[in-house]
Structure formats: C-alpha cells, structure tokens
Amino acid sequence: MVDLGLVYRATRDESGIDVELTLTARSCPLGEMLMDDARERLVARFPDVSRIGLDLVWHPQWKPDLITDRGRNLLGLKPKEAA
C-alpha cells in the first residue's frame, strides 16, 4: 500500500497509531479487503499497541504519480524519470 502511494500519513504516539490512507477510486472493489489487510498487518507488527486507527480519506485525490519507484518496478512500469 505504501509503494502504491495509498498511505498519506502514519503517526504513533502514546495513545496508539493513526494512519490516513486512500484508494485509487471510491468504487475500488478491493477497498474493504485493503482496509482489513492494513489493520491486520499493523496489529501483527505492533502487538503491544492498544489502539490502531485507520482513516480512509479522499483528499488529495490519488493519482499514479504517487506510486514509488519500487512500486512502479513491482508493477512492471518505467521509473518516474523515464516514464
């Protein structure tokens, strides 16, 4: 999700972890699965954290330019500077 540019913000403090993320489109058929997967991975990675908040946001709107170079490589796309 990070390499796809879907994670906009992630913070951790004494109260827990908060993550703002988005989807490629509001009608994304994988939205619920991605949110569930993100929560499961955070719980597994941070088992001692009592609160994990996921906030689905739509601003700024996602665009392909947000995909990292690693993500572009995994998707078989050219690096940004070569695109």
PDB file of N, CA and C in Angstrom:
ATOM      1  N   MET A   1       0.822  -1.190   0.000  1.00  0.00           N
ATOM      2  CA  MET A   1       0.000   0.000   0.000  1.00  0.00           C
ATOM      3  C   MET A   1       0.867   1.255   0.000  1.00  0.00           C
ATOM      4  N   VAL A   2       1.970   1.189   0.741  1.00  0.00           N
ATOM      5  CA  VAL A   2       2.869   2.342   0.777  1.00  0.00           C
ATOM      6  C   VAL A   2       3.439   2.598  -0.615  1.00  0.00           C
ATOM      7  N   ASP A   3       3.933   1.546  -1.266  1.00  0.00           N
ATOM      8  CA  ASP A   3       4.548   1.720  -2.580  1.00  0.00           C
ATOM      9  C   ASP A   3       3.545   2.094  -3.665  1.00  0.00           C
ATOM     10  N   LEU A   4       2.278   1.840  -3.434  1.00  0.00           N
ATOM     11  CA  LEU A   4       1.251   2.286  -4.378  1.00  0.00           C
ATOM     12  C   LEU A   4       0.843   3.739  -4.136  1.00  0.00           C
ATOM     13  N   GLY A   5       1.385   4.347  -3.075  1.00  0.00           N
ATOM     14  CA  GLY A   5       1.059   5.725  -2.765  1.00  0.00           C
ATOM     15  C   GLY A   5      -0.280   5.885  -2.080  1.00  0.00           C
ATOM     16  N   LEU A   6      -0.764   4.815  -1.454  1.00  0.00           N
ATOM     17  CA  LEU A   6      -2.079   4.856  -0.813  1.00  0.00           C
ATOM     18  C   LEU A   6      -2.032   5.347   0.632  1.00  0.00           C
ATOM     19  N   VAL A   7      -0.859   5.346   1.249  1.00  0.00           N
ATOM     20  CA  VAL A   7      -0.722   5.800   2.635  1.00  0.00           C
ATOM     21  C   VAL A   7      -0.267   7.256   2.613  1.00  0.00           C
ATOM     22  N   TYR A   8      -1.102   8.124   3.156  1.00  0.00           N
ATOM     23  CA  TYR A   8      -0.796   9.553   3.158  1.00  0.00           C
ATOM     24  C   TYR A   8      -0.101   9.996   4.441  1.00  0.00           C
ATOM     25  N   ARG A   9      -0.419   9.355   5.554  1.00  0.00           N
ATOM     26  CA  ARG A   9       0.165   9.775   6.831  1.00  0.00           C
ATOM     27  C   ARG A   9       0.084   8.614   7.798  1.00  0.00           C
ATOM     28  N   ALA A  10       1.130   8.474   8.605  1.00  0.00           N
ATOM     29  CA  ALA A  10       1.129   7.472   9.676  1.00  0.00           C
ATOM     30  C   ALA A  10       1.853   8.071  10.869  1.00  0.00           C
ATOM     31  N   THR A  11       1.186   8.066  12.023  1.00  0.00           N
ATOM     32  CA  THR A  11       1.796   8.601  13.234  1.00  0.00           C
ATOM     33  C   THR A  11       1.596   7.623  14.383  1.00  0.00           C
ATOM     34  N   ARG A  12       2.547   7.675  15.301  1.00  0.00           N
ATOM     35  CA  ARG A  12       2.451   6.845  16.502  1.00  0.00           C
ATOM     36  C   ARG A  12       2.788   7.720  17.694  1.00  0.00           C
ATOM     37  N   ASP A  13       1.944   7.659  18.711  1.00  0.00           N
ATOM     38  CA  ASP A  13       2.222   8.342  19.965  1.00  0.00           C
ATOM     39  C   ASP A  13       1.777   7.443  21.107  1.00  0.00           C
ATOM     40  N   GLU A  14       1.749   7.975  22.312  1.00  0.00           N
ATOM     41  CA  GLU A  14       1.425   7.146  23.478  1.00  0.00           C
ATOM     42  C   GLU A  14       0.007   6.580  23.437  1.00  0.00           C
ATOM     43  N   SER A  15      -0.878   7.208  22.658  1.00  0.00           N
ATOM     44  CA  SER A  15      -2.262   6.718  22.599  1.00  0.00           C
ATOM     45  C   SER A  15      -2.473   5.640  21.538  1.00  0.00           C
ATOM     46  N   GLY A  16      -1.530   5.509  20.599  1.00  0.00           N
ATOM     47  CA  GLY A  16      -1.680   4.482  19.577  1.00  0.00           C
ATOM     48  C   GLY A  16      -1.122   4.901  18.232  1.00  0.00           C
ATOM     49  N   ILE A  17      -1.619   4.265  17.197  1.00  0.00           N
ATOM     50  CA  ILE A  17      -1.177   4.510  15.824  1.00  0.00           C
ATOM     51  C   ILE A  17      -2.363   5.017  15.016  1.00  0.00           C
ATOM     52  N   ASP A  18      -2.118   6.050  14.221  1.00  0.00           N
ATOM     53  CA  ASP A  18      -3.136   6.585  13.317  1.00  0.00           C
ATOM     54  C   ASP A  18      -2.576   6.592  11.905  1.00  0.00           C
ATOM     55  N   VAL A  19      -3.361   6.090  10.978  1.00  0.00           N
ATOM     56  CA  VAL A  19      -2.946   6.028   9.577  1.00  0.00           C
ATOM     57  C   VAL A  19      -4.049   6.618   8.707  1.00  0.00           C
ATOM     58  N   GLU A  20      -3.663   7.542   7.835  1.00  0.00           N
ATOM     59  CA  GLU A  20      -4.574   8.062   6.817  1.00  0.00           C
ATOM     60  C   GLU A  20      -4.191   7.412   5.505  1.00  0.00           C
ATOM     61  N   LEU A  21      -5.169   6.794   4.869  1.00  0.00           N
ATOM     62  CA  LEU A  21      -4.899   6.162   3.582  1.00  0.00           C
ATOM     63  C   LEU A  21      -6.057   6.379   2.643  1.00  0.00           C
ATOM     64  N   THR A  22      -5.814   6.093   1.390  1.00  0.00           N
ATOM     65  CA  THR A  22      -6.831   6.290   0.366  1.00  0.00           C
ATOM     66  C   THR A  22      -6.885   5.065  -0.528  1.00  0.00           C
ATOM     67  N   LEU A  23      -7.760   5.098  -1.484  1.00  0.00           N
ATOM     68  CA  LEU A  23      -7.866   4.057  -2.501  1.00  0.00           C
ATOM     69  C   LEU A  23      -7.702   4.727  -3.862  1.00  0.00           C
ATOM     70  N   THR A  24      -7.473   3.939  -4.876  1.00  0.00           N
ATOM     71  CA  THR A  24      -7.297   4.517  -6.207  1.00  0.00           C
ATOM     72  C   THR A  24      -8.583   5.153  -6.726  1.00  0.00           C
ATOM     73  N   ALA A  25      -9.729   4.676  -6.239  1.00  0.00           N
ATOM     74  CA  ALA A  25     -11.030   5.227  -6.633  1.00  0.00           C
ATOM     75  C   ALA A  25     -12.051   4.894  -5.552  1.00  0.00           C
ATOM     76  N   ARG A  26     -13.056   5.729  -5.407  1.00  0.00           N
ATOM     77  CA  ARG A  26     -14.098   5.464  -4.405  1.00  0.00           C
ATOM     78  C   ARG A  26     -14.795   4.132  -4.650  1.00  0.00           C
ATOM     79  N   SER A  27     -14.871   3.727  -5.894  1.00  0.00           N
ATOM     80  CA  SER A  27     -15.558   2.480  -6.237  1.00  0.00           C
ATOM     81  C   SER A  27     -14.623   1.274  -6.257  1.00  0.00           C
ATOM     82  N   CYS A  28     -13.444   1.404  -5.678  1.00  0.00           N
ATOM     83  CA  CYS A  28     -12.466   0.309  -5.686  1.00  0.00           C
ATOM     84  C   CYS A  28     -13.085  -0.953  -5.079  1.00  0.00           C
ATOM     85  N   PRO A  29     -13.159  -2.044  -5.843  1.00  0.00           N
ATOM     86  CA  PRO A  29     -13.777  -3.266  -5.332  1.00  0.00           C
ATOM     87  C   PRO A  29     -12.947  -3.956  -4.250  1.00  0.00           C
ATOM     88  N   LEU A  30     -11.694  -3.546  -4.094  1.00  0.00           N
ATOM     89  CA  LEU A  30     -10.820  -4.155  -3.086  1.00  0.00           C
ATOM     90  C   LEU A  30     -10.707  -3.305  -1.826  1.00  0.00           C
ATOM     91  N   GLY A  31     -11.473  -2.229  -1.742  1.00  0.00           N
ATOM     92  CA  GLY A  31     -11.358  -1.300  -0.632  1.00  0.00           C
ATOM     93  C   GLY A  31     -11.471  -1.938   0.739  1.00  0.00           C
ATOM     94  N   GLU A  32     -12.507  -2.709   0.954  1.00  0.00           N
ATOM     95  CA  GLU A  32     -12.712  -3.337   2.260  1.00  0.00           C
ATOM     96  C   GLU A  32     -11.578  -4.306   2.578  1.00  0.00           C
ATOM     97  N   MET A  33     -11.161  -5.076   1.590  1.00  0.00           N
ATOM     98  CA  MET A  33     -10.072  -6.024   1.795  1.00  0.00           C
ATOM     99  C   MET A  33      -8.762  -5.296   2.125  1.00  0.00           C
ATOM    100  N   LEU A  34      -8.487  -4.195   1.438  1.00  0.00           N
ATOM    101  CA  LEU A  34      -7.264  -3.440   1.702  1.00  0.00           C
ATOM    102  C   LEU A  34      -7.268  -2.847   3.108  1.00  0.00           C
ATOM    103  N   MET A  35      -8.404  -2.323   3.531  1.00  0.00           N
ATOM    104  CA  MET A  35      -8.509  -1.765   4.885  1.00  0.00           C
ATOM    105  C   MET A  35      -8.308  -2.861   5.925  1.00  0.00           C
ATOM    106  N   ASP A  36      -8.953  -4.009   5.734  1.00  0.00           N
ATOM    107  CA  ASP A  36      -8.794  -5.135   6.663  1.00  0.00           C
ATOM    108  C   ASP A  36      -7.348  -5.613   6.698  1.00  0.00           C
ATOM    109  N   ASP A  37      -6.722  -5.708   5.530  1.00  0.00           N
ATOM    110  CA  ASP A  37      -5.334  -6.161   5.447  1.00  0.00           C
ATOM    111  C   ASP A  37      -4.399  -5.179   6.150  1.00  0.00           C
ATOM    112  N   ALA A  38      -4.624  -3.898   5.958  1.00  0.00           N
ATOM    113  CA  ALA A  38      -3.794  -2.888   6.613  1.00  0.00           C
ATOM    114  C   ALA A  38      -3.901  -3.018   8.130  1.00  0.00           C
ATOM    115  N   ARG A  39      -5.129  -3.160   8.636  1.00  0.00           N
ATOM    116  CA  ARG A  39      -5.318  -3.299  10.081  1.00  0.00           C
ATOM    117  C   ARG A  39      -4.638  -4.565  10.601  1.00  0.00           C
ATOM    118  N   GLU A  40      -4.825  -5.691   9.914  1.00  0.00           N
ATOM    119  CA  GLU A  40      -4.212  -6.953  10.350  1.00  0.00           C
ATOM    120  C   GLU A  40      -2.693  -6.857  10.380  1.00  0.00           C
ATOM    121  N   ARG A  41      -2.111  -6.229   9.380  1.00  0.00           N
ATOM    122  CA  ARG A  41      -0.653  -6.099   9.330  1.00  0.00           C
ATOM    123  C   ARG A  41      -0.136  -5.188  10.433  1.00  0.00           C
ATOM    124  N   LEU A  42      -0.852  -4.113  10.710  1.00  0.00           N
ATOM    125  CA  LEU A  42      -0.428  -3.220  11.788  1.00  0.00           C
ATOM    126  C   LEU A  42      -0.540  -3.903  13.147  1.00  0.00           C
ATOM    127  N   VAL A  43      -1.614  -4.640  13.373  1.00  0.00           N
ATOM    128  CA  VAL A  43      -1.785  -5.371  14.636  1.00  0.00           C
ATOM    129  C   VAL A  43      -0.667  -6.395  14.802  1.00  0.00           C
ATOM    130  N   ALA A  44      -0.322  -7.099  13.730  1.00  0.00           N
ATOM    131  CA  ALA A  44       0.748  -8.098  13.802  1.00  0.00           C
ATOM    132  C   ALA A  44       2.108  -7.442  14.030  1.00  0.00           C
ATOM    133  N   ARG A  45       2.334  -6.298  13.409  1.00  0.00           N
ATOM    134  CA  ARG A  45       3.631  -5.611  13.516  1.00  0.00           C
ATOM    135  C   ARG A  45       3.792  -4.906  14.854  1.00  0.00           C
ATOM    136  N   PHE A  46       2.703  -4.425  15.423  1.00  0.00           N
ATOM    137  CA  PHE A  46       2.737  -3.674  16.679  1.00  0.00           C
ATOM    138  C   PHE A  46       1.780  -4.302  17.687  1.00  0.00           C
ATOM    139  N   PRO A  47       2.067  -5.511  18.169  1.00  0.00           N
ATOM    140  CA  PRO A  47       1.132  -6.221  19.051  1.00  0.00           C
ATOM    141  C   PRO A  47       0.890  -5.535  20.397  1.00  0.00           C
ATOM    142  N   ASP A  48       1.811  -4.691  20.829  1.00  0.00           N
ATOM    143  CA  ASP A  48       1.659  -4.034  22.126  1.00  0.00           C
ATOM    144  C   ASP A  48       0.893  -2.713  22.052  1.00  0.00           C
ATOM    145  N   VAL A  49       0.533  -2.287  20.857  1.00  0.00           N
ATOM    146  CA  VAL A  49      -0.201  -1.033  20.699  1.00  0.00           C
ATOM    147  C   VAL A  49      -1.689  -1.310  20.913  1.00  0.00           C
ATOM    148  N   SER A  50      -2.289  -0.553  21.819  1.00  0.00           N
ATOM    149  CA  SER A  50      -3.686  -0.827  22.178  1.00  0.00           C
ATOM    150  C   SER A  50      -4.701  -0.229  21.204  1.00  0.00           C
ATOM    151  N   ARG A  51      -4.297   0.802  20.451  1.00  0.00           N
ATOM    152  CA  ARG A  51      -5.250   1.447  19.540  1.00  0.00           C
ATOM    153  C   ARG A  51      -4.606   1.672  18.179  1.00  0.00           C
ATOM    154  N   ILE A  52      -5.267   1.189  17.154  1.00  0.00           N
ATOM    155  CA  ILE A  52      -4.832   1.432  15.783  1.00  0.00           C
ATOM    156  C   ILE A  52      -6.011   2.031  15.035  1.00  0.00           C
ATOM    157  N   GLY A  53      -5.829   3.262  14.592  1.00  0.00           N
ATOM    158  CA  GLY A  53      -6.887   3.958  13.867  1.00  0.00           C
ATOM    159  C   GLY A  53      -6.567   4.072  12.390  1.00  0.00           C
ATOM    160  N   LEU A  54      -7.494   3.639  11.559  1.00  0.00           N
ATOM    161  CA  LEU A  54      -7.359   3.783  10.111  1.00  0.00           C
ATOM    162  C   LEU A  54      -8.426   4.748   9.629  1.00  0.00           C
ATOM    163  N   ASP A  55      -7.997   5.758   8.907  1.00  0.00           N
ATOM    164  CA  ASP A  55      -8.931   6.756   8.398  1.00  0.00           C
ATOM    165  C   ASP A  55      -8.832   6.777   6.876  1.00  0.00           C
ATOM    166  N   LEU A  56      -9.916   6.442   6.204  1.00  0.00           N
ATOM    167  CA  LEU A  56      -9.960   6.461   4.749  1.00  0.00           C
ATOM    168  C   LEU A  56     -10.271   7.883   4.304  1.00  0.00           C
ATOM    169  N   VAL A  57      -9.360   8.483   3.540  1.00  0.00           N
ATOM    170  CA  VAL A  57      -9.510   9.875   3.107  1.00  0.00           C
ATOM    171  C   VAL A  57      -9.514   9.946   1.583  1.00  0.00           C
ATOM    172  N   TRP A  58     -10.082  11.022   1.079  1.00  0.00           N
ATOM    173  CA  TRP A  58     -10.180  11.196  -0.376  1.00  0.00           C
ATOM    174  C   TRP A  58      -9.483  12.449  -0.870  1.00  0.00           C
ATOM    175  N   HIS A  59      -8.832  13.159   0.013  1.00  0.00           N
ATOM    176  CA  HIS A  59      -8.107  14.365  -0.378  1.00  0.00           C
ATOM    177  C   HIS A  59      -6.711  14.313   0.198  1.00  0.00           C
ATOM    178  N   PRO A  60      -5.691  14.473  -0.589  1.00  0.00           N
ATOM    179  CA  PRO A  60      -5.763  14.709  -2.017  1.00  0.00           C
ATOM    180  C   PRO A  60      -6.153  13.451  -2.775  1.00  0.00           C
ATOM    181  N   GLN A  61      -6.709  13.650  -3.940  1.00  0.00           N
ATOM    182  CA  GLN A  61      -7.120  12.516  -4.764  1.00  0.00           C
ATOM    183  C   GLN A  61      -5.884  11.731  -5.187  1.00  0.00           C
ATOM    184  N   TRP A  62      -5.980  10.404  -5.131  1.00  0.00           N
ATOM    185  CA  TRP A  62      -4.862   9.553  -5.545  1.00  0.00           C
ATOM    186  C   TRP A  62      -4.634   9.699  -7.040  1.00  0.00           C
ATOM    187  N   LYS A  63      -3.369   9.640  -7.423  1.00  0.00           N
ATOM    188  CA  LYS A  63      -3.006   9.639  -8.841  1.00  0.00           C
ATOM    189  C   LYS A  63      -1.778   8.752  -9.014  1.00  0.00           C
ATOM    190  N   PRO A  64      -1.559   8.217 -10.189  1.00  0.00           N
ATOM    191  CA  PRO A  64      -0.440   7.297 -10.413  1.00  0.00           C
ATOM    192  C   PRO A  64       0.928   7.882 -10.070  1.00  0.00           C
ATOM    193  N   ASP A  65       1.065   9.204 -10.095  1.00  0.00           N
ATOM    194  CA  ASP A  65       2.341   9.833  -9.743  1.00  0.00           C
ATOM    195  C   ASP A  65       2.755   9.530  -8.306  1.00  0.00           C
ATOM    196  N   LEU A  66       1.817   9.093  -7.474  1.00  0.00           N
ATOM    197  CA  LEU A  66       2.122   8.797  -6.074  1.00  0.00           C
ATOM    198  C   LEU A  66       2.795   7.440  -5.889  1.00  0.00           C
ATOM    199  N   ILE A  67       2.798   6.615  -6.913  1.00  0.00           N
ATOM    200  CA  ILE A  67       3.438   5.301  -6.819  1.00  0.00           C
ATOM    201  C   ILE A  67       4.946   5.505  -6.711  1.00  0.00           C
ATOM    202  N   THR A  68       5.577   4.842  -5.744  1.00  0.00           N
ATOM    203  CA  THR A  68       7.026   4.947  -5.571  1.00  0.00           C
ATOM    204  C   THR A  68       7.748   4.231  -6.711  1.00  0.00           C
ATOM    205  N   ASP A  69       9.041   4.493  -6.826  1.00  0.00           N
ATOM    206  CA  ASP A  69       9.828   3.792  -7.844  1.00  0.00           C
ATOM    207  C   ASP A  69       9.799   2.286  -7.607  1.00  0.00           C
ATOM    208  N   ARG A  70       9.851   1.873  -6.347  1.00  0.00           N
ATOM    209  CA  ARG A  70       9.774   0.443  -6.036  1.00  0.00           C
ATOM    210  C   ARG A  70       8.426  -0.117  -6.502  1.00  0.00           C
ATOM    211  N   GLY A  71       7.352   0.607  -6.218  1.00  0.00           N
ATOM    212  CA  GLY A  71       6.028   0.177  -6.652  1.00  0.00           C
ATOM    213  C   GLY A  71       5.925   0.101  -8.165  1.00  0.00           C
ATOM    214  N   ARG A  72       6.495   1.074  -8.832  1.00  0.00           N
ATOM    215  CA  ARG A  72       6.482   1.070 -10.300  1.00  0.00           C
ATOM    216  C   ARG A  72       7.226  -0.150 -10.823  1.00  0.00           C
ATOM    217  N   ASN A  73       8.355  -0.471 -10.196  1.00  0.00           N
ATOM    218  CA  ASN A  73       9.127  -1.642 -10.599  1.00  0.00           C
ATOM    219  C   ASN A  73       8.313  -2.923 -10.391  1.00  0.00           C
ATOM    220  N   LEU A  74       7.660  -3.034  -9.231  1.00  0.00           N
ATOM    221  CA  LEU A  74       6.852  -4.224  -8.944  1.00  0.00           C
ATOM    222  C   LEU A  74       5.697  -4.388  -9.930  1.00  0.00           C
ATOM    223  N   LEU A  75       5.176  -3.271 -10.412  1.00  0.00           N
ATOM    224  CA  LEU A  75       4.065  -3.296 -11.366  1.00  0.00           C
ATOM    225  C   LEU A  75       4.539  -3.406 -12.817  1.00  0.00           C
ATOM    226  N   GLY A  76       5.853  -3.414 -13.010  1.00  0.00           N
ATOM    227  CA  GLY A  76       6.394  -3.503 -14.364  1.00  0.00           C
ATOM    228  C   GLY A  76       6.327  -2.193 -15.131  1.00  0.00           C
ATOM    229  N   LEU A  77       6.244  -1.076 -14.395  1.00  0.00           N
ATOM    230  CA  LEU A  77       6.196   0.243 -15.025  1.00  0.00           C
ATOM    231  C   LEU A  77       7.586   0.862 -15.063  1.00  0.00           C
ATOM    232  N   LYS A  78       7.778   1.806 -15.954  1.00  0.00           N
ATOM    233  CA  LYS A  78       9.050   2.521 -16.033  1.00  0.00           C
ATOM    234  C   LYS A  78       9.193   3.431 -14.821  1.00  0.00           C
ATOM    235  N   PRO A  79      10.442   3.689 -14.378  1.00  0.00           N
ATOM    236  CA  PRO A  79      10.649   4.660 -13.289  1.00  0.00           C
ATOM    237  C   PRO A  79      10.080   6.025 -13.681  1.00  0.00           C
ATOM    238  N   LYS A  80       9.747   6.844 -12.690  1.00  0.00           N
ATOM    239  CA  LYS A  80       9.128   8.149 -12.951  1.00  0.00           C
ATOM    240  C   LYS A  80       9.929   8.985 -13.948  1.00  0.00           C
ATOM    241  N   GLU A  81      11.241   9.065 -13.756  1.00  0.00           N
ATOM    242  CA  GLU A  81      12.043   9.918 -14.634  1.00  0.00           C
ATOM    243  C   GLU A  81      12.113   9.382 -16.065  1.00  0.00           C
ATOM    244  N   ALA A  82      11.825   8.092 -16.248  1.00  0.00           N
ATOM    245  CA  ALA A  82      11.875   7.501 -17.587  1.00  0.00           C
ATOM    246  C   ALA A  82      10.488   7.369 -18.205  1.00  0.00           C
ATOM    247  N   ALA A  83       9.447   7.665 -17.428  1.00  0.00           N
ATOM    248  CA  ALA A  83       8.073   7.459 -17.917  1.00  0.00           C
ATOM    249  C   ALA A  83       7.704   8.446 -18.999  1.00  0.00           C
TER     250      ALA A  83
END
